[in-house]
Amino acid sequence: MKVYGVTGWKNSGKTGLMERLVAEFCARGYSVSTIKHAHHIFDVDQKGTDSYRHRAAGACEVLLASGRRVALMQELRDAPEPPLAALLARLSPVDLVLVEGYKREAHPKIEAHRGETGNPLIATDDTSIRAVASDAPLDLDRPVFDLNDTGSVADFIQGELGL
């Protein structure tokens, strides 16, 4: 599987770019999966459901299945957060895995950047960031794309990965 990341600071446009890239690569005929890093506690399950009750009772894993979707919830309890490589190994094979976040990992990435946030570029100190997608002009030693030019960003990633 080919892996490419979208990174950036909060409110930089990462999720919007990810969403557009998934749609673009799917439209190009590629199978795509995503991994999203969350810095906060989250729950995809609803309190009171049977699967929630199974987890609350102490189950390490709960697999919820229907004719349309399968969801595997794994409780870490006191275990450390799995590294990105371990999460990638859990995925079914696809053409491309797009990873949102994980800015400190070594996989190739594009940085989403919005000038209005005032955040510094991560790319200036990180060679794993191969390009930047920004809403403001930038003078960098690597390609800079318009944040909303999804086609050009996808072309770049496709070329980088040899898809």
Protein backbone atom coordinates (compact mmCIF):
# COMPACT_ATOMS: atom_id res chain seq x y z
CA MET A 1 0.00 0.00 0.00
CA LYS A 2 1.15 3.50 -0.78
CA VAL A 3 0.97 5.99 2.12
CA TYR A 4 0.85 9.78 1.92
CA GLY A 5 0.06 12.24 4.67
CA VAL A 6 -1.65 15.57 5.08
CA THR A 7 -0.33 17.50 8.05
CA GLY A 8 -0.51 21.01 9.46
CA TRP A 9 -1.55 22.95 12.51
CA LYS A 10 -5.11 23.20 13.81
CA ASN A 11 -7.48 25.05 11.42
CA SER A 12 -5.00 24.82 8.55
CA GLY A 13 -7.40 23.04 6.19
CA LYS A 14 -6.19 19.46 6.67
CA THR A 15 -9.58 17.79 6.89
CA GLY A 16 -11.05 19.65 3.93
CA LEU A 17 -8.01 18.79 1.82
CA MET A 18 -8.21 15.14 2.94
CA GLU A 19 -11.89 14.96 2.04
CA ARG A 20 -11.28 16.43 -1.42
CA LEU A 21 -8.25 14.17 -2.02
CA VAL A 22 -10.21 11.03 -1.08
CA ALA A 23 -12.96 12.01 -3.53
CA GLU A 24 -10.40 12.90 -6.24
CA PHE A 25 -8.44 9.64 -5.96
CA CYS A 26 -11.64 7.59 -5.83
CA ALA A 27 -12.85 9.39 -8.98
CA ARG A 28 -9.53 8.43 -10.61
CA GLY A 29 -10.32 4.78 -9.89
CA TYR A 30 -8.09 4.19 -6.87
CA SER A 31 -9.16 2.44 -3.69
CA VAL A 32 -8.45 4.72 -0.73
CA SER A 33 -8.44 4.32 3.04
CA THR A 34 -7.67 6.96 5.65
CA ILE A 35 -6.15 7.18 9.10
CA LYS A 36 -6.91 10.25 11.21
CA HIS A 37 -5.01 11.06 14.39
CA ALA A 38 -7.09 12.59 17.17
CA HIS A 39 -5.49 14.54 20.01
CA HIS A 40 -8.58 14.22 22.15
CA ILE A 41 -10.66 11.42 23.63
CA PHE A 42 -13.39 10.35 21.24
CA ASP A 43 -16.14 7.77 21.16
CA VAL A 44 -17.67 6.46 17.96
CA ASP A 45 -20.18 4.46 19.96
CA GLN A 46 -23.32 5.77 21.66
CA LYS A 47 -24.00 5.36 25.37
CA GLY A 48 -26.75 2.83 25.94
CA THR A 49 -26.21 0.77 22.76
CA ASP A 50 -25.42 -2.92 23.09
CA SER A 51 -21.87 -2.45 21.75
CA TYR A 52 -21.26 0.41 24.19
CA ARG A 53 -22.45 -1.79 27.02
CA HIS A 54 -20.05 -4.55 25.92
CA ARG A 55 -17.10 -2.13 26.04
CA ALA A 56 -18.22 -0.62 29.34
CA ALA A 57 -18.37 -4.12 30.80
CA GLY A 58 -14.67 -4.57 29.98
CA ALA A 59 -14.42 -6.11 26.50
CA CYS A 60 -11.02 -5.48 24.88
CA GLU A 61 -12.54 -5.52 21.40
CA VAL A 62 -16.08 -5.15 20.12
CA LEU A 63 -16.80 -5.85 16.46
CA LEU A 64 -20.09 -4.42 15.26
CA ALA A 65 -21.29 -5.75 11.90
CA SER A 66 -24.22 -5.20 9.59
CA GLY A 67 -24.93 -5.68 5.90
CA ARG A 68 -23.45 -2.22 5.18
CA ARG A 69 -20.58 -1.65 7.63
CA VAL A 70 -18.14 -3.29 10.02
CA ALA A 71 -16.66 -1.37 12.94
CA LEU A 72 -13.99 -2.77 15.21
CA MET A 73 -13.55 -0.87 18.45
CA GLN A 74 -10.46 -1.69 20.46
CA GLU A 75 -10.06 -0.41 23.98
CA LEU A 76 -6.49 0.49 24.85
CA ARG A 77 -7.28 0.77 28.55
CA ASP A 78 -3.78 1.31 29.96
CA ALA A 79 -1.85 0.27 26.83
CA PRO A 80 0.06 2.93 24.90
CA GLU A 81 -1.30 4.40 21.68
CA PRO A 82 -0.28 2.17 18.75
CA PRO A 83 2.31 3.63 16.35
CA LEU A 84 1.25 4.53 12.82
CA ALA A 85 2.98 1.45 11.36
CA ALA A 86 0.88 -0.84 13.55
CA LEU A 87 -2.31 0.95 12.50
CA LEU A 88 -1.39 0.69 8.82
CA ALA A 89 -0.82 -3.05 9.25
CA ARG A 90 -4.43 -3.42 10.45
CA LEU A 91 -5.93 -2.01 7.25
CA SER A 92 -7.16 -4.11 4.36
CA PRO A 93 -5.09 -3.66 1.20
CA VAL A 94 -5.91 -0.58 -0.91
CA ASP A 95 -4.09 1.49 -3.51
CA LEU A 96 -3.58 4.49 -1.25
CA VAL A 97 -3.80 5.28 2.44
CA LEU A 98 -4.10 8.99 3.21
CA VAL A 99 -3.01 9.88 6.74
CA GLU A 100 -4.21 13.03 8.50
CA GLY A 101 -1.98 14.22 11.31
CA TYR A 102 1.00 12.22 12.53
CA LYS A 103 3.26 15.16 11.73
CA ARG A 104 6.26 13.61 13.49
CA GLU A 105 6.18 10.37 11.47
CA ALA A 106 8.57 9.91 8.54
CA HIS A 107 6.08 9.10 5.74
CA PRO A 108 5.85 11.62 2.88
CA LYS A 109 3.41 14.45 3.53
CA ILE A 110 1.93 17.63 2.17
CA GLU A 111 1.40 20.47 4.64
CA ALA A 112 -1.90 22.32 4.65
CA HIS A 113 -1.36 25.98 5.56
CA ARG A 114 -3.65 28.97 6.05
CA GLY A 115 -1.95 32.34 6.33
CA GLU A 116 -4.64 33.76 8.62
CA THR A 117 -3.81 31.33 11.44
CA GLY A 118 -0.38 32.90 11.93
CA ASN A 119 1.19 29.49 12.54
CA PRO A 120 4.72 28.88 11.30
CA LEU A 121 5.31 26.38 8.53
CA ILE A 122 6.26 22.90 9.67
CA ALA A 123 7.90 22.28 6.29
CA THR A 124 10.85 24.58 6.97
CA ASP A 125 12.24 22.05 9.48
CA ASP A 126 10.81 18.79 8.14
CA THR A 127 12.08 17.09 4.98
CA SER A 128 9.25 14.51 5.06
CA ILE A 129 6.97 17.35 3.95
CA ARG A 130 7.36 17.24 0.17
CA ALA A 131 5.07 20.17 -0.68
CA VAL A 132 2.76 22.76 0.86
CA ALA A 133 -0.86 23.56 -0.03
CA SER A 134 -1.52 27.13 1.08
CA ASP A 135 -4.04 29.92 0.70
CA ALA A 136 -1.17 32.45 0.71
CA PRO A 137 1.89 32.78 -1.54
CA LEU A 138 5.03 31.20 -0.08
CA ASP A 139 8.67 31.14 -1.11
CA LEU A 140 9.93 27.64 -0.34
CA ASP A 141 12.47 25.10 -1.55
CA ARG A 142 9.66 22.69 -2.51
CA PRO A 143 6.42 22.90 -4.48
CA VAL A 144 3.63 25.17 -3.22
CA PHE A 145 0.06 24.56 -4.40
CA ASP A 146 -3.13 26.52 -3.93
CA LEU A 147 -4.91 24.93 -0.98
CA ASN A 148 -8.07 24.58 -3.08
CA ASP A 149 -6.40 23.16 -6.21
CA THR A 150 -7.13 19.55 -5.33
CA GLY A 151 -6.37 18.25 -8.81
CA SER A 152 -2.82 19.62 -8.80
CA VAL A 153 -2.19 18.34 -5.27
CA ALA A 154 -3.49 14.89 -6.28
CA ASP A 155 -1.33 14.94 -9.44
CA PHE A 156 1.72 15.69 -7.28
CA ILE A 157 0.95 12.88 -4.80
CA GLN A 158 0.20 10.47 -7.63
CA GLY A 159 3.55 11.29 -9.23
CA GLU A 160 5.43 11.04 -5.94
CA LEU A 161 4.01 7.59 -5.27
CA GLY A 162 4.17 6.30 -8.84
CA LEU A 163 0.45 5.50 -8.90
